[in-house]
Amino acid sequence: MDALDRVVKPKTKRAKRFLEKREPKLNENTKNAMLIKGGNANLTVTEVLKDIYAVKKPFAVLYKRKNITRPFEDQTSLEFFSKKSDCSLFLFGSHNKKRPNNLIIGRMFDYHVLDMIELGVEKFVALKDIKNSKCPEGTKPMLIFAGDMFDVNEEYRRLKSLLIDFFRGPTVPNIRLAGLEYVLHFTAVDGKIYMRSYKVLLKKSGCKIPRIELEEMGPSLDLVMRRTHLASDDLYKLALKQPKGLKPKKKKNISHDALGTTYGRIHMQKQDLSKLQTRKMKGLKKRPAEKSAQDGGATPKKSKSA
């Protein structure tokens, strides 16, 4: 049995809190990513990993030492690092003559590799090469995908889902206008994927709505897809399954239309509208003749007492 697989009983309160953080939850924590450098990574791959780490911080772990592993042949080392650092996303960088400037992006399910896609870096512009102001650490990016391939091709559709998982950041309940300052743009055209990052500038426009300009910030990558390792449909469906506690409970006799209006159905007994109390007005007051006709005959008059 692996050392990380055995049941560990906490001996201190700190260890107990640490294990409670890793327990399954209804609302999971923000996914962390580990960035691993291969045994023969060159300067370009190292700079790419550093810049992606700067974009992903603080939800990322960067391994600076070289790790001799081949994810498509042996995945045990990736699964070991995933358990050790509690990361469900990974980015592996390597370089060799057959596949130069190679990146492998993937994700885990239950500490096992779910799917991964190999990308080749054809052109790279680092953060430090673009002399502009940068966004602060931990800024949540806006993701934009352009190109029909992200909707038509199954491999590109899975790559889109993988990139959203990797860069989406934490889930926030509210959004403020000044916080929308970082854009990640992915374009798929002619068999290549172009990744560009921009800083959003809000400038005066003479009205309440500001004028928006985009300023390239870096990093900038031109990628080409190489090998893929995709999960089967059954395993992918299992990974997307939500716990019962998150599913909304059905409420009886309540329906919604296309515009979001809520309609409710109320069950009541049959009412006698003739006995319905209305507003008391002289004009609506019944005359003696109407009362006698309603009662079915004339009522005898009371005799005056002597």
Foldseek 3Di string as FASTA:
>chain_A
DDPLPDDDDDPDPVVVVVVVLVDDDQDHFQAAEEEAEAPAFDPVLVLVSVQLCQLQPPRYHYDPDHDHDDCVVDPVVVLVVCSVVVHFWYKYFHADDVAGGKIKTFGHDPSHTAKIWIKHFPDKDGLVNDPDDDDDGQQFEAEEEEDCCCVPPPVNVVVVVRVCSRRRHDDDPDDDPVSHFKYWYWYDDPQKIKTWIWTWDFDPDPDPGTDIDTDTRDTITIIGTDDIDHHDPVVVVVRPDRDPVPDDDDDPQWDADPVGDIDGDDDDDDDDVVPDDDDDDPVPDDDQVVVQVVVPHDDDDDDDDD
